[in-house]
Amino acid sequence: KKLSFVDNLKNSSWVVKACDALLPTGVHLQDWIRNRLSGKLEIDDQGMLSRGEQWDGEEKKRMYQEATDAFFQSLPEDDFNDNELALRSLILDFMSTSTTGKDVTLSDLAADPLIHAARVELMPECVTFSSWVEARLGS
């Protein structure tokens, strides 16, 4: 099944951050995919990705954990980046304007379209909203 052009992946801010955090200097994403994910993802002559064999459960967990760790390592230690500030502001606004009379849950926050859009802009799909809230805002 065809997935995407590798060049499209390079336009994603979180892919760029992950590459910067994970790949050694001088290693290109296309080369890394060919060498590290051979059999899992294939790149044809036009740069189109396609799936090879599927990852087993443990390998998939490990890959997600590596990507999650790289994401969190790419964030400033003592500050928030612009996308985080935007998401944090939306969360605080939502909480301060909630009229339900009950405590706001993570599910309530995640269901808000503005918060969802900011989350998608900030983090890769493998990073859970709850892990970001806990790691960056506290529990």
C-alpha atoms as a PDB file:
ATOM      1  CA  LYS A   1       0.000   0.000   0.000  1.00  0.00           C
ATOM      2  CA  LYS A   2       1.412   3.408  -0.974  1.00  0.00           C
ATOM      3  CA  LEU A   3       1.764   5.842   1.926  1.00  0.00           C
ATOM      4  CA  SER A   4       3.442   9.087   0.975  1.00  0.00           C
ATOM      5  CA  PHE A   5       6.379  10.673  -0.750  1.00  0.00           C
ATOM      6  CA  VAL A   6       9.458  10.916   1.456  1.00  0.00           C
ATOM      7  CA  ASP A   7       9.680  14.592   0.486  1.00  0.00           C
ATOM      8  CA  ASN A   8       6.236  15.161   2.052  1.00  0.00           C
ATOM      9  CA  LEU A   9       7.484  13.692   5.316  1.00  0.00           C
ATOM     10  CA  LYS A  10      10.374  16.170   5.331  1.00  0.00           C
ATOM     11  CA  ASN A  11       7.816  19.018   5.346  1.00  0.00           C
ATOM     12  CA  SER A  12       6.338  17.886   8.668  1.00  0.00           C
ATOM     13  CA  SER A  13       7.748  19.852  11.616  1.00  0.00           C
ATOM     14  CA  TRP A  14       7.673  16.848  13.943  1.00  0.00           C
ATOM     15  CA  VAL A  15       9.451  14.618  11.398  1.00  0.00           C
ATOM     16  CA  VAL A  16      12.171  17.269  11.048  1.00  0.00           C
ATOM     17  CA  LYS A  17      12.507  17.468  14.859  1.00  0.00           C
ATOM     18  CA  ALA A  18      12.638  13.680  15.169  1.00  0.00           C
ATOM     19  CA  CYS A  19      15.275  13.452  12.420  1.00  0.00           C
ATOM     20  CA  ASP A  20      17.356  16.153  14.103  1.00  0.00           C
ATOM     21  CA  ALA A  21      17.122  14.336  17.438  1.00  0.00           C
ATOM     22  CA  LEU A  22      17.606  10.771  16.199  1.00  0.00           C
ATOM     23  CA  LEU A  23      19.662  10.732  13.038  1.00  0.00           C
ATOM     24  CA  PRO A  24      23.417  11.153  13.087  1.00  0.00           C
ATOM     25  CA  THR A  25      24.758  14.236  11.310  1.00  0.00           C
ATOM     26  CA  GLY A  26      24.839  13.678   7.572  1.00  0.00           C
ATOM     27  CA  VAL A  27      22.354  10.778   7.555  1.00  0.00           C
ATOM     28  CA  HIS A  28      19.365  11.537   5.346  1.00  0.00           C
ATOM     29  CA  LEU A  29      15.853  10.326   6.163  1.00  0.00           C
ATOM     30  CA  GLN A  30      15.634   8.353   2.918  1.00  0.00           C
ATOM     31  CA  ASP A  31      18.902   6.527   3.675  1.00  0.00           C
ATOM     32  CA  TRP A  32      17.812   5.791   7.235  1.00  0.00           C
ATOM     33  CA  ILE A  33      14.495   4.339   6.050  1.00  0.00           C
ATOM     34  CA  ARG A  34      16.267   2.163   3.451  1.00  0.00           C
ATOM     35  CA  ASN A  35      18.844   0.873   5.949  1.00  0.00           C
ATOM     36  CA  ARG A  36      16.946   0.752   9.238  1.00  0.00           C
ATOM     37  CA  LEU A  37      13.428  -0.077   8.064  1.00  0.00           C
ATOM     38  CA  SER A  38      14.187  -2.267   5.084  1.00  0.00           C
ATOM     39  CA  GLY A  39      11.347  -4.721   4.699  1.00  0.00           C
ATOM     40  CA  LYS A  40       9.036  -2.580   6.839  1.00  0.00           C
ATOM     41  CA  LEU A  41       8.965   0.453   4.541  1.00  0.00           C
ATOM     42  CA  GLU A  42      10.192   0.546   0.979  1.00  0.00           C
ATOM     43  CA  ILE A  43      11.019   3.571  -1.194  1.00  0.00           C
ATOM     44  CA  ASP A  44      10.540   3.284  -4.925  1.00  0.00           C
ATOM     45  CA  ASP A  45      12.463   5.200  -7.609  1.00  0.00           C
ATOM     46  CA  GLN A  46      10.032   8.143  -7.413  1.00  0.00           C
ATOM     47  CA  GLY A  47      10.481   8.459  -3.629  1.00  0.00           C
ATOM     48  CA  MET A  48       7.082   6.925  -2.800  1.00  0.00           C
ATOM     49  CA  LEU A  49       6.876   4.978   0.450  1.00  0.00           C
ATOM     50  CA  SER A  50       5.057   1.677   0.650  1.00  0.00           C
ATOM     51  CA  ARG A  51       4.592  -0.788   3.476  1.00  0.00           C
ATOM     52  CA  GLY A  52       6.493  -4.014   3.477  1.00  0.00           C
ATOM     53  CA  GLU A  53       5.915  -6.550   6.213  1.00  0.00           C
ATOM     54  CA  GLN A  54       4.113  -5.307   9.331  1.00  0.00           C
ATOM     55  CA  TRP A  55       5.843  -4.692  12.645  1.00  0.00           C
ATOM     56  CA  ASP A  56       5.087  -7.108  15.424  1.00  0.00           C
ATOM     57  CA  GLY A  57       3.599  -5.712  18.628  1.00  0.00           C
ATOM     58  CA  GLU A  58       6.869  -5.402  20.546  1.00  0.00           C
ATOM     59  CA  GLU A  59       8.721  -3.769  17.663  1.00  0.00           C
ATOM     60  CA  LYS A  60       5.870  -1.319  17.130  1.00  0.00           C
ATOM     61  CA  LYS A  61       5.897  -0.393  20.849  1.00  0.00           C
ATOM     62  CA  ARG A  62       9.659   0.134  20.719  1.00  0.00           C
ATOM     63  CA  MET A  63       9.439   2.332  17.617  1.00  0.00           C
ATOM     64  CA  TYR A  64       6.651   4.422  19.161  1.00  0.00           C
ATOM     65  CA  GLN A  65       8.649   4.781  22.376  1.00  0.00           C
ATOM     66  CA  GLU A  66      11.748   5.898  20.451  1.00  0.00           C
ATOM     67  CA  ALA A  67       9.706   8.492  18.555  1.00  0.00           C
ATOM     68  CA  THR A  68       8.026   9.676  21.764  1.00  0.00           C
ATOM     69  CA  ASP A  69      11.369   9.997  23.559  1.00  0.00           C
ATOM     70  CA  ALA A  70      12.836  11.924  20.620  1.00  0.00           C
ATOM     71  CA  PHE A  71       9.864  14.285  20.640  1.00  0.00           C
ATOM     72  CA  PHE A  72      10.190  15.090  24.340  1.00  0.00           C
ATOM     73  CA  GLN A  73      13.980  15.474  24.041  1.00  0.00           C
ATOM     74  CA  SER A  74      13.440  18.020  21.260  1.00  0.00           C
ATOM     75  CA  LEU A  75      11.449  20.320  23.575  1.00  0.00           C
ATOM     76  CA  PRO A  76      13.093  23.083  25.610  1.00  0.00           C
ATOM     77  CA  GLU A  77      13.850  21.985  29.171  1.00  0.00           C
ATOM     78  CA  ASP A  78      12.904  25.150  31.049  1.00  0.00           C
ATOM     79  CA  ASP A  79      10.423  26.755  28.696  1.00  0.00           C
ATOM     80  CA  PHE A  80       7.696  26.031  26.165  1.00  0.00           C
ATOM     81  CA  ASN A  81       8.059  26.333  22.409  1.00  0.00           C
ATOM     82  CA  ASP A  82       5.508  28.405  20.460  1.00  0.00           C
ATOM     83  CA  ASN A  83       3.262  25.437  19.641  1.00  0.00           C
ATOM     84  CA  GLU A  84       3.268  24.351  23.272  1.00  0.00           C
ATOM     85  CA  LEU A  85       2.373  27.855  24.406  1.00  0.00           C
ATOM     86  CA  ALA A  86      -0.560  27.886  21.996  1.00  0.00           C
ATOM     87  CA  LEU A  87      -1.828  24.515  23.227  1.00  0.00           C
ATOM     88  CA  ARG A  88      -1.323  25.456  26.879  1.00  0.00           C
ATOM     89  CA  SER A  89      -3.264  28.683  26.347  1.00  0.00           C
ATOM     90  CA  LEU A  90      -6.155  26.815  24.718  1.00  0.00           C
ATOM     91  CA  ILE A  91      -6.244  24.331  27.597  1.00  0.00           C
ATOM     92  CA  LEU A  92      -6.296  27.086  30.218  1.00  0.00           C
ATOM     93  CA  ASP A  93      -8.995  28.982  28.298  1.00  0.00           C
ATOM     94  CA  PHE A  94     -11.107  25.844  28.020  1.00  0.00           C
ATOM     95  CA  MET A  95     -10.765  25.107  31.722  1.00  0.00           C
ATOM     96  CA  SER A  96     -11.572  28.664  32.768  1.00  0.00           C
ATOM     97  CA  THR A  97     -14.672  28.892  30.572  1.00  0.00           C
ATOM     98  CA  SER A  98     -16.102  25.427  31.223  1.00  0.00           C
ATOM     99  CA  THR A  99     -19.717  25.697  32.355  1.00  0.00           C
ATOM    100  CA  THR A 100     -20.445  22.014  32.956  1.00  0.00           C
ATOM    101  CA  GLY A 101     -20.118  22.312  36.720  1.00  0.00           C
ATOM    102  CA  LYS A 102     -17.770  19.325  36.873  1.00  0.00           C
ATOM    103  CA  ASP A 103     -14.034  18.898  36.692  1.00  0.00           C
ATOM    104  CA  VAL A 104     -12.621  19.063  33.172  1.00  0.00           C
ATOM    105  CA  THR A 105     -11.152  15.734  32.070  1.00  0.00           C
ATOM    106  CA  LEU A 106      -8.459  14.988  29.516  1.00  0.00           C
ATOM    107  CA  SER A 107     -11.211  13.536  27.331  1.00  0.00           C
ATOM    108  CA  ASP A 108     -13.079  16.855  27.483  1.00  0.00           C
ATOM    109  CA  LEU A 109      -9.923  18.710  26.464  1.00  0.00           C
ATOM    110  CA  ALA A 110      -9.021  16.269  23.690  1.00  0.00           C
ATOM    111  CA  ALA A 111     -12.533  16.508  22.222  1.00  0.00           C
ATOM    112  CA  ASP A 112     -12.296  20.276  21.753  1.00  0.00           C
ATOM    113  CA  PRO A 113     -11.591  21.015  18.048  1.00  0.00           C
ATOM    114  CA  LEU A 114      -9.195  23.908  18.745  1.00  0.00           C
ATOM    115  CA  ILE A 115      -7.202  21.884  21.264  1.00  0.00           C
ATOM    116  CA  HIS A 116      -7.149  18.918  18.893  1.00  0.00           C
ATOM    117  CA  ALA A 117      -5.824  21.072  16.034  1.00  0.00           C
ATOM    118  CA  ALA A 118      -3.102  22.552  18.274  1.00  0.00           C
ATOM    119  CA  ARG A 119      -2.160  19.070  19.475  1.00  0.00           C
ATOM    120  CA  VAL A 120      -1.824  17.794  15.903  1.00  0.00           C
ATOM    121  CA  GLU A 121       0.382  20.785  15.062  1.00  0.00           C
ATOM    122  CA  LEU A 122       2.612  20.177  18.090  1.00  0.00           C
ATOM    123  CA  MET A 123       3.208  16.474  18.396  1.00  0.00           C
ATOM    124  CA  PRO A 124       3.513  13.325  16.325  1.00  0.00           C
ATOM    125  CA  GLU A 125       0.649  10.855  16.378  1.00  0.00           C
ATOM    126  CA  CYS A 126       2.535   8.416  18.604  1.00  0.00           C
ATOM    127  CA  VAL A 127       2.733  10.914  21.484  1.00  0.00           C
ATOM    128  CA  THR A 128      -0.371  10.770  23.632  1.00  0.00           C
ATOM    129  CA  PHE A 129      -2.057  13.947  24.754  1.00  0.00           C
ATOM    130  CA  SER A 130      -2.020  12.682  28.344  1.00  0.00           C
ATOM    131  CA  SER A 131       1.763  12.067  28.252  1.00  0.00           C
ATOM    132  CA  TRP A 132       2.384  15.609  27.029  1.00  0.00           C
ATOM    133  CA  VAL A 133       0.076  17.110  29.659  1.00  0.00           C
ATOM    134  CA  GLU A 134       1.754  15.098  32.422  1.00  0.00           C
ATOM    135  CA  ALA A 135       5.323  15.738  31.230  1.00  0.00           C
ATOM    136  CA  ARG A 136       4.952  19.403  30.341  1.00  0.00           C
ATOM    137  CA  LEU A 137       2.105  20.777  32.462  1.00  0.00           C
ATOM    138  CA  GLY A 138       2.173  18.408  35.434  1.00  0.00           C
ATOM    139  CA  SER A 139      -0.527  16.051  36.589  1.00  0.00           C
END
